[in-house]
């Protein structure tokens, strides 16, 4: 389970819970680095499933951040996935089975 699987494994209503356990700066770095065909759909999924106001704030922060170092982006994406796993292990969210694995 990696960042690219978020869109297929995390339910849209659980994105708010994920944002509560992931540091905002980490999230902005992960979203800034999610620019390829594998990770971008998950970044868009996250932004599409939060309030418009928060999505706009994150998009603005992403623009201000600009291009991020690939290693920093990978670390941030791993931290987001760790937050998702923590929530799933605690029973706070359920992960969908990934049929495209």
N, C-alpha and C. Protein backbone atom coordinates (compact mmCIF):
# COMPACT_ATOMS: atom_id res chain seq x y z
N UNK A 1 0.85 -1.19 0.00
CA UNK A 1 0.00 0.00 0.00
C UNK A 1 0.89 1.23 0.00
N UNK A 2 0.77 2.02 -1.06
CA UNK A 2 1.56 3.24 -1.17
C UNK A 2 0.63 4.42 -1.47
N UNK A 3 1.22 5.60 -1.61
CA UNK A 3 0.45 6.81 -1.84
C UNK A 3 -0.47 6.67 -3.05
N UNK A 4 0.01 6.00 -4.09
CA UNK A 4 -0.80 5.86 -5.30
C UNK A 4 -2.08 5.07 -5.07
N UNK A 5 -2.14 4.29 -3.99
CA UNK A 5 -3.32 3.47 -3.69
C UNK A 5 -4.38 4.21 -2.88
N UNK A 6 -4.09 5.41 -2.42
CA UNK A 6 -5.04 6.13 -1.57
C UNK A 6 -6.39 6.28 -2.25
N UNK A 7 -6.39 6.67 -3.52
CA UNK A 7 -7.66 6.91 -4.22
C UNK A 7 -8.50 5.64 -4.33
N UNK A 8 -7.87 4.49 -4.40
CA UNK A 8 -8.63 3.25 -4.55
C UNK A 8 -8.91 2.54 -3.23
N UNK A 9 -8.15 2.84 -2.19
CA UNK A 9 -8.30 2.09 -0.94
C UNK A 9 -8.95 2.86 0.19
N UNK A 10 -8.88 4.19 0.15
CA UNK A 10 -9.45 5.00 1.23
C UNK A 10 -10.81 5.52 0.78
N UNK A 11 -11.79 5.40 1.65
CA UNK A 11 -13.12 5.91 1.34
C UNK A 11 -13.10 7.44 1.40
N UNK A 12 -13.83 8.08 0.50
CA UNK A 12 -13.85 9.54 0.42
C UNK A 12 -14.20 10.18 1.76
N UNK A 13 -15.12 9.59 2.50
CA UNK A 13 -15.54 10.20 3.78
C UNK A 13 -14.46 10.10 4.85
N UNK A 14 -13.44 9.27 4.62
CA UNK A 14 -12.36 9.11 5.61
C UNK A 14 -11.19 10.06 5.39
N UNK A 15 -11.21 10.84 4.32
CA UNK A 15 -10.10 11.76 4.05
C UNK A 15 -9.96 12.77 5.19
N UNK A 16 -11.06 13.23 5.75
CA UNK A 16 -10.98 14.20 6.86
C UNK A 16 -10.21 13.61 8.03
N UNK A 17 -10.43 12.33 8.32
CA UNK A 17 -9.70 11.67 9.41
C UNK A 17 -8.22 11.60 9.10
N UNK A 18 -7.89 11.34 7.85
CA UNK A 18 -6.48 11.27 7.45
C UNK A 18 -5.82 12.63 7.67
N UNK A 19 -6.52 13.69 7.29
CA UNK A 19 -5.95 15.03 7.45
C UNK A 19 -5.73 15.39 8.92
N UNK A 20 -6.51 14.80 9.80
CA UNK A 20 -6.32 15.09 11.23
C UNK A 20 -5.05 14.47 11.79
N UNK A 21 -4.57 13.38 11.19
CA UNK A 21 -3.38 12.71 11.73
C UNK A 21 -2.10 13.02 10.96
N UNK A 22 -2.24 13.72 9.84
CA UNK A 22 -1.07 14.06 9.03
C UNK A 22 -0.78 15.55 9.19
N UNK A 23 0.46 15.87 9.50
CA UNK A 23 0.90 17.25 9.63
C UNK A 23 0.63 18.01 8.33
N UNK A 24 0.14 19.23 8.44
CA UNK A 24 -0.22 20.03 7.26
C UNK A 24 0.97 20.24 6.33
N UNK A 25 2.14 20.53 6.88
CA UNK A 25 3.33 20.74 6.06
C UNK A 25 3.70 19.47 5.31
N UNK A 26 3.57 18.33 5.97
CA UNK A 26 3.84 17.04 5.34
C UNK A 26 2.87 16.80 4.20
N UNK A 27 1.60 17.11 4.43
CA UNK A 27 0.58 16.92 3.41
C UNK A 27 0.86 17.80 2.19
N UNK A 28 1.21 19.05 2.43
CA UNK A 28 1.52 19.96 1.32
C UNK A 28 2.71 19.44 0.51
N UNK A 29 3.73 18.95 1.20
CA UNK A 29 4.90 18.40 0.50
C UNK A 29 4.51 17.18 -0.32
N UNK A 30 3.71 16.29 0.26
CA UNK A 30 3.27 15.09 -0.47
C UNK A 30 2.44 15.47 -1.70
N UNK A 31 1.51 16.39 -1.53
CA UNK A 31 0.67 16.80 -2.65
C UNK A 31 1.48 17.54 -3.71
N UNK A 32 2.46 18.32 -3.28
CA UNK A 32 3.31 19.04 -4.23
C UNK A 32 4.13 18.07 -5.07
N UNK A 33 4.53 16.96 -4.46
CA UNK A 33 5.36 15.99 -5.17
C UNK A 33 4.58 14.96 -5.96
N UNK A 34 3.26 14.95 -5.81
CA UNK A 34 2.42 13.97 -6.50
C UNK A 34 2.07 14.49 -7.89
N UNK A 35 3.03 14.40 -8.79
CA UNK A 35 2.84 14.98 -10.12
C UNK A 35 2.86 13.95 -11.24
N UNK A 36 3.18 12.71 -10.94
CA UNK A 36 3.23 11.72 -12.02
C UNK A 36 1.88 11.01 -12.17
N UNK A 37 1.77 10.20 -13.19
CA UNK A 37 0.49 9.54 -13.49
C UNK A 37 0.04 8.57 -12.40
N UNK A 38 0.96 8.09 -11.58
CA UNK A 38 0.60 7.15 -10.52
C UNK A 38 0.13 7.84 -9.25
N UNK A 39 0.74 8.96 -8.90
CA UNK A 39 0.43 9.61 -7.62
C UNK A 39 -0.56 10.76 -7.74
N UNK A 40 -0.62 11.39 -8.89
CA UNK A 40 -1.50 12.56 -9.05
C UNK A 40 -2.97 12.23 -8.78
N UNK A 41 -3.49 11.07 -9.23
CA UNK A 41 -4.91 10.77 -8.92
C UNK A 41 -5.20 10.73 -7.42
N UNK A 42 -4.26 10.27 -6.61
CA UNK A 42 -4.48 10.25 -5.16
C UNK A 42 -4.47 11.65 -4.59
N UNK A 43 -3.58 12.51 -5.09
CA UNK A 43 -3.55 13.90 -4.64
C UNK A 43 -4.86 14.59 -4.99
N UNK A 44 -5.35 14.36 -6.20
CA UNK A 44 -6.61 14.97 -6.62
C UNK A 44 -7.78 14.41 -5.79
N UNK A 45 -7.72 13.11 -5.48
CA UNK A 45 -8.75 12.48 -4.65
C UNK A 45 -8.83 13.14 -3.28
N UNK A 46 -7.67 13.39 -2.68
CA UNK A 46 -7.63 14.05 -1.37
C UNK A 46 -8.25 15.45 -1.47
N UNK A 47 -7.82 16.22 -2.45
CA UNK A 47 -8.31 17.59 -2.60
C UNK A 47 -9.80 17.64 -2.95
N UNK A 48 -10.28 16.64 -3.67
CA UNK A 48 -11.69 16.61 -4.07
C UNK A 48 -12.62 16.20 -2.92
N UNK A 49 -12.06 15.64 -1.87
CA UNK A 49 -12.89 15.11 -0.79
C UNK A 49 -12.72 15.83 0.54
N UNK A 50 -12.35 17.10 0.44
CA UNK A 50 -12.30 17.98 1.61
C UNK A 50 -13.09 19.23 1.27
N UNK A 51 -13.29 20.08 2.24
CA UNK A 51 -14.06 21.30 1.98
C UNK A 51 -13.35 22.15 0.91
N UNK A 52 -14.15 22.89 0.16
CA UNK A 52 -13.58 23.75 -0.87
C UNK A 52 -12.59 24.75 -0.29
N UNK A 53 -12.92 25.27 0.88
CA UNK A 53 -12.04 26.26 1.52
C UNK A 53 -10.68 25.65 1.85
N UNK A 54 -10.70 24.47 2.46
CA UNK A 54 -9.44 23.81 2.80
C UNK A 54 -8.68 23.40 1.54
N UNK A 55 -9.39 22.91 0.54
CA UNK A 55 -8.74 22.53 -0.72
C UNK A 55 -8.06 23.74 -1.35
N UNK A 56 -8.75 24.88 -1.34
CA UNK A 56 -8.16 26.10 -1.90
C UNK A 56 -6.92 26.52 -1.12
N UNK A 57 -6.98 26.40 0.22
CA UNK A 57 -5.81 26.75 1.04
C UNK A 57 -4.64 25.82 0.72
N UNK A 58 -4.92 24.53 0.57
CA UNK A 58 -3.85 23.58 0.26
C UNK A 58 -3.29 23.83 -1.14
N UNK A 59 -4.16 24.11 -2.10
CA UNK A 59 -3.68 24.40 -3.47
C UNK A 59 -2.78 25.63 -3.47
N UNK A 60 -3.16 26.64 -2.68
CA UNK A 60 -2.34 27.85 -2.59
C UNK A 60 -0.98 27.53 -1.96
N UNK A 61 -0.99 26.71 -0.91
CA UNK A 61 0.25 26.31 -0.25
C UNK A 61 1.13 25.49 -1.20
N UNK A 62 0.50 24.66 -2.02
CA UNK A 62 1.24 23.86 -3.00
C UNK A 62 1.91 24.77 -4.02
N UNK A 63 1.18 25.76 -4.50
CA UNK A 63 1.75 26.71 -5.46
C UNK A 63 2.92 27.48 -4.84
N UNK A 64 2.74 27.91 -3.60
CA UNK A 64 3.80 28.65 -2.92
C UNK A 64 5.03 27.77 -2.70
N UNK A 65 4.79 26.49 -2.42
CA UNK A 65 5.89 25.56 -2.18
C UNK A 65 6.69 25.34 -3.45
N UNK A 66 6.00 25.30 -4.59
CA UNK A 66 6.68 25.07 -5.85
C UNK A 66 7.17 23.64 -5.95
N UNK A 67 8.17 23.44 -6.77
CA UNK A 67 8.70 22.10 -6.99
C UNK A 67 9.42 21.62 -5.73
N UNK A 68 9.18 20.37 -5.36
CA UNK A 68 9.82 19.82 -4.16
C UNK A 68 10.82 18.75 -4.57
N UNK A 69 11.81 18.58 -3.72
CA UNK A 69 12.82 17.55 -3.89
C UNK A 69 12.12 16.19 -3.90
N UNK A 70 12.52 15.32 -4.82
CA UNK A 70 11.88 14.01 -4.95
C UNK A 70 11.97 13.20 -3.65
N UNK A 71 13.11 13.25 -2.98
CA UNK A 71 13.27 12.51 -1.72
C UNK A 71 12.32 13.05 -0.64
N UNK A 72 12.20 14.38 -0.57
CA UNK A 72 11.28 14.99 0.40
C UNK A 72 9.84 14.58 0.10
N UNK A 73 9.48 14.57 -1.18
CA UNK A 73 8.13 14.19 -1.58
C UNK A 73 7.86 12.73 -1.20
N UNK A 74 8.82 11.85 -1.48
CA UNK A 74 8.65 10.42 -1.16
C UNK A 74 8.48 10.23 0.35
N UNK A 75 9.28 10.94 1.13
CA UNK A 75 9.18 10.84 2.59
C UNK A 75 7.81 11.32 3.06
N UNK A 76 7.36 12.44 2.52
CA UNK A 76 6.06 12.99 2.91
C UNK A 76 4.93 12.03 2.51
N UNK A 77 5.01 11.46 1.31
CA UNK A 77 3.99 10.50 0.88
C UNK A 77 3.97 9.29 1.79
N UNK A 78 5.14 8.83 2.20
CA UNK A 78 5.23 7.69 3.13
C UNK A 78 4.60 8.04 4.48
N UNK A 79 4.80 9.28 4.92
CA UNK A 79 4.19 9.73 6.18
C UNK A 79 2.66 9.76 6.08
N UNK A 80 2.14 10.18 4.94
CA UNK A 80 0.69 10.19 4.74
C UNK A 80 0.17 8.75 4.78
N UNK A 81 0.86 7.84 4.11
CA UNK A 81 0.46 6.43 4.11
C UNK A 81 0.54 5.86 5.53
N UNK A 82 1.56 6.24 6.28
CA UNK A 82 1.67 5.79 7.67
C UNK A 82 0.47 6.26 8.49
N UNK A 83 0.02 7.48 8.25
CA UNK A 83 -1.17 7.99 8.93
C UNK A 83 -2.40 7.18 8.58
N UNK A 84 -2.55 6.83 7.31
CA UNK A 84 -3.68 6.01 6.87
C UNK A 84 -3.62 4.65 7.54
N UNK A 85 -2.43 4.04 7.54
CA UNK A 85 -2.29 2.72 8.17
C UNK A 85 -2.61 2.77 9.66
N UNK A 86 -2.17 3.83 10.33
CA UNK A 86 -2.44 4.00 11.76
C UNK A 86 -3.94 4.05 12.01
N UNK A 87 -4.64 4.83 11.22
CA UNK A 87 -6.09 4.94 11.36
C UNK A 87 -6.78 3.59 11.11
N UNK A 88 -6.30 2.87 10.11
CA UNK A 88 -6.88 1.57 9.79
C UNK A 88 -6.61 0.57 10.92
N UNK A 89 -5.39 0.56 11.44
CA UNK A 89 -5.04 -0.36 12.53
C UNK A 89 -5.84 -0.06 13.79
N UNK A 90 -6.15 1.22 14.01
CA UNK A 90 -6.93 1.62 15.18
C UNK A 90 -8.43 1.42 14.97
N UNK A 91 -8.82 0.99 13.77
CA UNK A 91 -10.22 0.77 13.48
C UNK A 91 -11.01 2.04 13.21
N UNK A 92 -10.31 3.15 13.00
CA UNK A 92 -11.00 4.43 12.77
C UNK A 92 -11.47 4.57 11.32
N UNK A 93 -10.78 3.90 10.40
CA UNK A 93 -11.21 3.85 9.00
C UNK A 93 -11.06 2.42 8.51
N UNK A 94 -11.76 2.11 7.44
CA UNK A 94 -11.62 0.82 6.79
C UNK A 94 -11.00 1.04 5.43
N UNK A 95 -10.05 0.19 5.07
CA UNK A 95 -9.45 0.28 3.76
C UNK A 95 -10.20 -0.65 2.81
N UNK A 96 -10.47 -0.16 1.60
CA UNK A 96 -11.10 -0.99 0.59
C UNK A 96 -10.06 -1.96 0.05
N UNK A 97 -10.51 -3.10 -0.39
CA UNK A 97 -9.60 -4.04 -1.04
C UNK A 97 -9.19 -3.42 -2.37
N UNK A 98 -7.91 -3.49 -2.65
CA UNK A 98 -7.42 -2.91 -3.90
C UNK A 98 -7.49 -3.97 -4.99
N UNK A 99 -8.43 -3.80 -5.90
CA UNK A 99 -8.58 -4.79 -6.97
C UNK A 99 -7.61 -4.56 -8.12
N UNK A 100 -6.87 -3.45 -8.08
CA UNK A 100 -5.94 -3.16 -9.16
C UNK A 100 -4.50 -3.38 -8.74
N UNK A 101 -4.29 -4.11 -7.66
CA UNK A 101 -2.93 -4.35 -7.16
C UNK A 101 -2.16 -5.11 -8.18
